[in-house]
């Protein structure tokens, strides 16, 4: 089997995922998973799609991720891994869809508007 190449996005993070059969190594930006995502929550987020199908030890995953913050990057990686698992075997899709790993979360930060302090917050009103 060749290397499967997929992409995952979340907020402004973009993760390029390369998956091949192996012993379960997850390398992100040339660093180990535990080294890149220090928080246990983010580590489990990344592994969720593999864990749902009980395939943690079957594939080696290499990821290039950029942009955004830590949580956005972790969720982008999760989407990329889920898409790769579906590309490997289409019968995985209903299980991953039911868990919610196949849906791209399209929520983005709303832009700041002119004449406002933030996107919707107005400047403080001064009576005098």
N, C-alpha and C. Protein backbone atom coordinates (compact mmCIF):
# COMPACT_ATOMS: atom_id res chain seq x y z
N UNK A 1 0.83 -1.19 0.00
CA UNK A 1 0.00 0.00 0.00
C UNK A 1 0.88 1.25 0.00
N UNK A 2 0.48 2.23 -0.78
CA UNK A 2 1.23 3.48 -0.86
C UNK A 2 0.86 4.42 0.29
N UNK A 3 1.50 5.56 0.31
CA UNK A 3 1.22 6.57 1.34
C UNK A 3 -0.06 7.30 0.97
N UNK A 4 -0.97 7.41 1.94
CA UNK A 4 -2.23 8.13 1.74
C UNK A 4 -2.00 9.59 2.17
N UNK A 5 -2.42 10.52 1.30
CA UNK A 5 -2.21 11.95 1.55
C UNK A 5 -3.57 12.64 1.65
N UNK A 6 -3.86 13.26 2.81
CA UNK A 6 -5.12 14.00 2.99
C UNK A 6 -4.84 15.33 3.67
N UNK A 7 -5.88 16.15 3.74
CA UNK A 7 -5.75 17.47 4.36
C UNK A 7 -6.89 17.67 5.36
N UNK A 8 -6.57 18.35 6.47
CA UNK A 8 -7.59 18.68 7.47
C UNK A 8 -7.46 20.14 7.83
N UNK A 9 -8.59 20.80 8.04
CA UNK A 9 -8.56 22.22 8.40
C UNK A 9 -9.45 22.49 9.60
N UNK A 10 -9.09 23.52 10.38
CA UNK A 10 -9.90 23.98 11.50
C UNK A 10 -9.47 25.40 11.81
N UNK A 11 -10.41 26.34 11.86
CA UNK A 11 -10.10 27.76 12.03
C UNK A 11 -9.06 28.15 10.99
N UNK A 12 -7.88 28.59 11.39
CA UNK A 12 -6.86 28.96 10.40
C UNK A 12 -5.75 27.92 10.31
N UNK A 13 -5.94 26.76 10.92
CA UNK A 13 -4.93 25.70 10.89
C UNK A 13 -5.14 24.78 9.69
N UNK A 14 -4.04 24.38 9.08
CA UNK A 14 -4.08 23.45 7.96
C UNK A 14 -3.11 22.31 8.26
N UNK A 15 -3.62 21.08 8.22
CA UNK A 15 -2.79 19.90 8.50
C UNK A 15 -2.73 19.02 7.27
N UNK A 16 -1.51 18.75 6.80
CA UNK A 16 -1.32 17.80 5.70
C UNK A 16 -0.89 16.48 6.32
N UNK A 17 -1.70 15.45 6.11
CA UNK A 17 -1.51 14.15 6.77
C UNK A 17 -1.04 13.12 5.76
N UNK A 18 0.02 12.40 6.12
CA UNK A 18 0.55 11.31 5.29
C UNK A 18 0.49 10.04 6.13
N UNK A 19 -0.28 9.04 5.67
CA UNK A 19 -0.49 7.84 6.47
C UNK A 19 -0.04 6.61 5.68
N UNK A 20 0.69 5.72 6.37
CA UNK A 20 1.14 4.46 5.76
C UNK A 20 1.09 3.36 6.81
N UNK A 21 1.03 2.11 6.39
CA UNK A 21 1.02 1.01 7.38
C UNK A 21 2.30 1.04 8.21
N UNK A 22 2.17 0.76 9.49
CA UNK A 22 3.33 0.81 10.38
C UNK A 22 2.98 0.33 11.76
N UNK A 23 3.68 0.89 12.75
CA UNK A 23 3.49 0.41 14.13
C UNK A 23 2.85 1.45 15.06
N UNK A 24 2.30 2.53 14.51
CA UNK A 24 1.55 3.47 15.33
C UNK A 24 2.27 4.75 15.70
N UNK A 25 3.35 5.08 15.00
CA UNK A 25 4.07 6.33 15.29
C UNK A 25 3.30 7.52 14.72
N UNK A 26 3.21 8.60 15.49
CA UNK A 26 2.60 9.84 15.01
C UNK A 26 3.65 10.94 15.13
N UNK A 27 4.10 11.44 13.98
CA UNK A 27 5.12 12.48 13.91
C UNK A 27 4.45 13.76 13.40
N UNK A 28 4.58 14.86 14.15
CA UNK A 28 3.99 16.13 13.75
C UNK A 28 5.11 17.17 13.64
N UNK A 29 5.27 17.74 12.46
CA UNK A 29 6.33 18.72 12.18
C UNK A 29 7.70 18.22 12.68
N UNK A 30 8.04 16.98 12.34
CA UNK A 30 9.32 16.33 12.68
C UNK A 30 9.53 16.17 14.18
N UNK A 31 8.44 16.17 14.97
CA UNK A 31 8.53 15.93 16.41
C UNK A 31 7.50 14.87 16.80
N UNK A 32 7.78 14.16 17.89
CA UNK A 32 6.83 13.16 18.39
C UNK A 32 5.54 13.85 18.83
N UNK A 33 4.45 13.09 18.87
CA UNK A 33 3.15 13.63 19.29
C UNK A 33 3.21 14.23 20.68
N UNK A 34 3.82 13.51 21.64
CA UNK A 34 3.91 13.99 23.02
C UNK A 34 4.80 15.22 23.16
N UNK A 35 5.72 15.38 22.23
CA UNK A 35 6.62 16.53 22.23
C UNK A 35 5.95 17.77 21.64
N UNK A 36 5.11 17.55 20.61
CA UNK A 36 4.47 18.67 19.92
C UNK A 36 3.24 19.16 20.67
N UNK A 37 2.33 18.22 21.01
CA UNK A 37 1.15 18.56 21.80
C UNK A 37 1.42 18.12 23.23
N UNK A 38 1.77 19.06 24.09
CA UNK A 38 2.14 18.74 25.47
C UNK A 38 0.92 18.36 26.30
N UNK A 39 -0.23 18.93 25.98
CA UNK A 39 -1.45 18.65 26.74
C UNK A 39 -2.01 17.27 26.39
N UNK A 40 -2.41 16.54 27.42
CA UNK A 40 -3.01 15.20 27.24
C UNK A 40 -4.30 15.29 26.43
N UNK A 41 -5.06 16.37 26.60
CA UNK A 41 -6.33 16.56 25.88
C UNK A 41 -6.08 16.64 24.37
N UNK A 42 -5.06 17.40 23.99
CA UNK A 42 -4.76 17.54 22.56
C UNK A 42 -4.22 16.24 21.98
N UNK A 43 -3.47 15.48 22.76
CA UNK A 43 -2.97 14.19 22.29
C UNK A 43 -4.12 13.23 22.02
N UNK A 44 -5.11 13.20 22.93
CA UNK A 44 -6.26 12.31 22.71
C UNK A 44 -7.11 12.79 21.54
N UNK A 45 -7.23 14.12 21.35
CA UNK A 45 -7.95 14.66 20.19
C UNK A 45 -7.37 14.12 18.89
N UNK A 46 -6.04 14.13 18.80
CA UNK A 46 -5.36 13.67 17.59
C UNK A 46 -5.61 12.18 17.36
N UNK A 47 -5.61 11.39 18.43
CA UNK A 47 -5.76 9.93 18.31
C UNK A 47 -7.20 9.45 18.22
N UNK A 48 -8.19 10.33 18.40
CA UNK A 48 -9.59 9.92 18.48
C UNK A 48 -10.07 9.11 17.28
N UNK A 49 -9.75 9.53 16.06
CA UNK A 49 -10.23 8.83 14.87
C UNK A 49 -9.65 7.42 14.80
N UNK A 50 -8.36 7.28 15.12
CA UNK A 50 -7.73 5.95 15.13
C UNK A 50 -8.32 5.08 16.24
N UNK A 51 -8.56 5.69 17.40
CA UNK A 51 -9.09 4.94 18.55
C UNK A 51 -10.51 4.45 18.29
N UNK A 52 -11.31 5.25 17.58
CA UNK A 52 -12.70 4.86 17.29
C UNK A 52 -12.76 3.59 16.47
N UNK A 53 -11.74 3.38 15.62
CA UNK A 53 -11.69 2.17 14.78
C UNK A 53 -10.72 1.12 15.32
N UNK A 54 -10.12 1.40 16.49
CA UNK A 54 -9.14 0.50 17.13
C UNK A 54 -7.97 0.17 16.19
N UNK A 55 -7.42 1.22 15.57
CA UNK A 55 -6.31 1.06 14.62
C UNK A 55 -5.07 1.82 15.05
N UNK A 56 -4.93 2.12 16.37
CA UNK A 56 -3.82 2.95 16.84
C UNK A 56 -2.45 2.39 16.45
N UNK A 57 -2.30 1.07 16.48
CA UNK A 57 -0.99 0.46 16.25
C UNK A 57 -0.80 -0.02 14.81
N UNK A 58 -1.72 0.32 13.90
CA UNK A 58 -1.65 -0.22 12.54
C UNK A 58 -1.03 0.74 11.53
N UNK A 59 -1.03 2.04 11.83
CA UNK A 59 -0.57 3.02 10.84
C UNK A 59 0.42 4.00 11.44
N UNK A 60 1.41 4.38 10.62
CA UNK A 60 2.32 5.47 10.96
C UNK A 60 1.77 6.74 10.31
N UNK A 61 1.70 7.81 11.08
CA UNK A 61 1.13 9.06 10.60
C UNK A 61 2.20 10.14 10.67
N UNK A 62 2.41 10.83 9.55
CA UNK A 62 3.31 11.98 9.50
C UNK A 62 2.46 13.18 9.14
N UNK A 63 2.61 14.27 9.89
CA UNK A 63 1.76 15.45 9.68
C UNK A 63 2.62 16.71 9.58
N UNK A 64 2.27 17.56 8.62
CA UNK A 64 2.80 18.93 8.56
C UNK A 64 1.63 19.83 8.87
N UNK A 65 1.71 20.57 9.97
CA UNK A 65 0.60 21.44 10.37
C UNK A 65 1.12 22.85 10.57
N UNK A 66 0.31 23.83 10.13
CA UNK A 66 0.71 25.23 10.27
C UNK A 66 -0.51 26.11 10.50
N UNK A 67 -0.29 27.26 11.08
CA UNK A 67 -1.35 28.24 11.30
C UNK A 67 -2.16 27.95 12.54
N UNK A 68 -2.81 29.00 13.06
CA UNK A 68 -3.72 28.85 14.18
C UNK A 68 -3.04 28.54 15.49
N UNK A 69 -3.85 28.08 16.44
CA UNK A 69 -3.36 27.76 17.77
C UNK A 69 -3.31 26.26 17.99
N UNK A 70 -3.05 25.86 19.20
CA UNK A 70 -2.84 24.44 19.53
C UNK A 70 -4.10 23.62 19.30
N UNK A 71 -5.25 24.09 19.79
CA UNK A 71 -6.50 23.33 19.66
C UNK A 71 -6.93 23.23 18.20
N UNK A 72 -6.82 24.33 17.47
CA UNK A 72 -7.17 24.30 16.05
C UNK A 72 -6.29 23.33 15.28
N UNK A 73 -5.01 23.30 15.61
CA UNK A 73 -4.09 22.37 14.94
C UNK A 73 -4.44 20.92 15.28
N UNK A 74 -4.74 20.65 16.55
CA UNK A 74 -5.08 19.28 16.96
C UNK A 74 -6.34 18.80 16.24
N UNK A 75 -7.34 19.66 16.13
CA UNK A 75 -8.59 19.27 15.47
C UNK A 75 -8.40 19.15 13.96
N UNK A 76 -7.51 19.95 13.37
CA UNK A 76 -7.20 19.82 11.95
C UNK A 76 -6.52 18.48 11.66
N UNK A 77 -5.61 18.08 12.56
CA UNK A 77 -4.92 16.79 12.42
C UNK A 77 -5.94 15.65 12.53
N UNK A 78 -6.87 15.75 13.48
CA UNK A 78 -7.90 14.71 13.65
C UNK A 78 -8.73 14.53 12.39
N UNK A 79 -9.13 15.65 11.77
CA UNK A 79 -9.92 15.58 10.53
C UNK A 79 -9.10 14.95 9.40
N UNK A 80 -7.83 15.32 9.31
CA UNK A 80 -6.96 14.75 8.27
C UNK A 80 -6.79 13.25 8.43
N UNK A 81 -6.61 12.79 9.67
CA UNK A 81 -6.46 11.35 9.93
C UNK A 81 -7.76 10.62 9.60
N UNK A 82 -8.90 11.20 9.97
CA UNK A 82 -10.20 10.58 9.68
C UNK A 82 -10.40 10.44 8.17
N UNK A 83 -10.05 11.48 7.42
CA UNK A 83 -10.18 11.42 5.96
C UNK A 83 -9.26 10.37 5.36
N UNK A 84 -8.06 10.23 5.92
CA UNK A 84 -7.12 9.21 5.43
C UNK A 84 -7.67 7.81 5.69
N UNK A 85 -8.27 7.60 6.86
CA UNK A 85 -8.83 6.28 7.19
C UNK A 85 -9.98 5.92 6.26
N UNK A 86 -10.77 6.91 5.84
CA UNK A 86 -11.86 6.66 4.89
C UNK A 86 -11.29 6.35 3.50
N UNK A 87 -10.20 7.03 3.14
CA UNK A 87 -9.57 6.77 1.84
C UNK A 87 -9.00 5.35 1.79
N UNK A 88 -8.48 4.87 2.93
CA UNK A 88 -7.95 3.51 3.00
C UNK A 88 -9.08 2.50 2.87
N UNK A 89 -10.17 2.73 3.63
CA UNK A 89 -11.29 1.79 3.65
C UNK A 89 -12.61 2.55 3.78
N UNK A 90 -13.40 2.65 2.71
CA UNK A 90 -14.66 3.42 2.76
C UNK A 90 -15.68 2.92 3.77
N UNK A 91 -15.59 1.66 4.22
CA UNK A 91 -16.55 1.18 5.23
C UNK A 91 -16.30 1.79 6.61
N UNK A 92 -15.18 2.50 6.78
CA UNK A 92 -14.93 3.22 8.04
C UNK A 92 -15.76 4.48 8.17
N UNK A 93 -16.28 4.98 7.05
CA UNK A 93 -16.94 6.30 7.03
C UNK A 93 -18.15 6.40 7.96
N UNK A 94 -19.10 5.43 7.96
CA UNK A 94 -20.26 5.58 8.86
C UNK A 94 -19.88 5.67 10.34
N UNK A 95 -18.89 4.90 10.76
CA UNK A 95 -18.44 4.95 12.16
C UNK A 95 -17.86 6.32 12.50
N UNK A 96 -16.99 6.82 11.63
CA UNK A 96 -16.35 8.12 11.87
C UNK A 96 -17.36 9.26 11.75
N UNK A 97 -18.32 9.14 10.84
CA UNK A 97 -19.35 10.17 10.66
C UNK A 97 -20.21 10.24 11.92
N UNK A 98 -20.56 9.06 12.49
CA UNK A 98 -21.39 9.01 13.69
C UNK A 98 -20.69 9.69 14.87
N UNK A 99 -19.38 9.52 14.97
CA UNK A 99 -18.59 10.16 16.03
C UNK A 99 -18.37 11.65 15.78
N UNK A 100 -18.62 12.10 14.55
CA UNK A 100 -18.47 13.52 14.21
C UNK A 100 -17.08 13.90 13.73
N UNK A 101 -16.28 12.91 13.33
CA UNK A 101 -14.90 13.20 12.91
C UNK A 101 -14.78 13.55 11.42
N UNK A 102 -15.85 13.36 10.65
CA UNK A 102 -15.79 13.62 9.21
C UNK A 102 -16.25 15.03 8.85
N UNK A 103 -16.82 15.76 9.80
CA UNK A 103 -17.37 17.08 9.51
C UNK A 103 -16.32 18.16 9.75
N UNK A 104 -16.12 19.00 8.76
CA UNK A 104 -15.20 20.12 8.89
C UNK A 104 -15.92 21.22 9.65
N UNK A 105 -15.40 21.60 10.81
CA UNK A 105 -16.00 22.65 11.61
C UNK A 105 -15.69 23.99 10.95
N UNK A 106 -16.69 24.62 10.36
CA UNK A 106 -16.46 25.80 9.52
C UNK A 106 -16.44 27.11 10.30
N UNK A 107 -16.57 27.05 11.63
CA UNK A 107 -16.59 28.30 12.41
C UNK A 107 -15.23 29.00 12.33
N UNK A 108 -15.27 30.28 11.99
CA UNK A 108 -14.06 31.10 11.91
C UNK A 108 -14.26 32.35 12.76
N UNK A 109 -13.17 33.03 13.09
CA UNK A 109 -13.25 34.27 13.86
C UNK A 109 -13.86 35.34 12.97
N UNK A 110 -14.83 36.05 13.52
CA UNK A 110 -15.49 37.12 12.77
C UNK A 110 -14.56 38.33 12.70
N UNK A 111 -14.53 38.98 11.55
CA UNK A 111 -13.60 40.10 11.38
C UNK A 111 -14.04 41.33 12.16
N UNK A 112 -13.07 42.17 12.50
CA UNK A 112 -13.35 43.43 13.19
C UNK A 112 -13.96 44.40 12.18
N UNK A 113 -15.03 45.10 12.62
CA UNK A 113 -15.69 46.06 11.75
C UNK A 113 -15.22 47.48 12.10
N UNK A 114 -15.23 48.38 11.11
CA UNK A 114 -14.87 49.77 11.40
C UNK A 114 -15.92 50.43 12.29
N UNK A 115 -15.48 51.31 13.19
CA UNK A 115 -16.39 51.99 14.09
C UNK A 115 -16.81 51.13 15.28
N UNK A 116 -16.15 49.99 15.44
CA UNK A 116 -16.41 49.09 16.57
C UNK A 116 -15.09 48.76 17.24
N UNK A 117 -15.18 48.32 18.51
CA UNK A 117 -13.96 47.93 19.21
C UNK A 117 -13.48 46.56 18.78
N UNK A 118 -14.45 45.64 18.60
CA UNK A 118 -14.14 44.29 18.10
C UNK A 118 -15.13 44.00 16.98
N UNK A 119 -15.46 42.74 16.75
CA UNK A 119 -16.38 42.41 15.66
C UNK A 119 -17.77 42.97 15.92
N UNK A 120 -18.26 42.83 17.15
CA UNK A 120 -19.60 43.30 17.48
C UNK A 120 -19.63 44.28 18.64
N UNK A 121 -18.60 44.27 19.47
CA UNK A 121 -18.53 45.13 20.65
C UNK A 121 -18.35 46.57 20.22
N UNK A 122 -19.24 47.43 20.71
CA UNK A 122 -19.12 48.85 20.40
C UNK A 122 -18.16 49.53 21.39
N UNK A 123 -17.71 50.74 21.02
CA UNK A 123 -16.90 51.50 21.96
C UNK A 123 -17.77 51.92 23.16
N UNK A 124 -17.14 52.13 24.30
CA UNK A 124 -17.87 52.52 25.49
C UNK A 124 -18.58 53.86 25.29
N UNK A 125 -19.84 53.89 25.66
CA UNK A 125 -20.64 55.11 25.49
C UNK A 125 -20.30 56.12 26.59
N UNK A 126 -20.09 57.36 26.18
CA UNK A 126 -19.82 58.43 27.14
C UNK A 126 -20.93 59.47 26.99
N UNK A 127 -21.65 59.69 28.06
CA UNK A 127 -22.79 60.63 27.99
C UNK A 127 -22.30 62.07 27.82
N UNK A 128 -21.19 62.42 28.47
CA UNK A 128 -20.67 63.79 28.37
C UNK A 128 -19.26 63.81 27.82
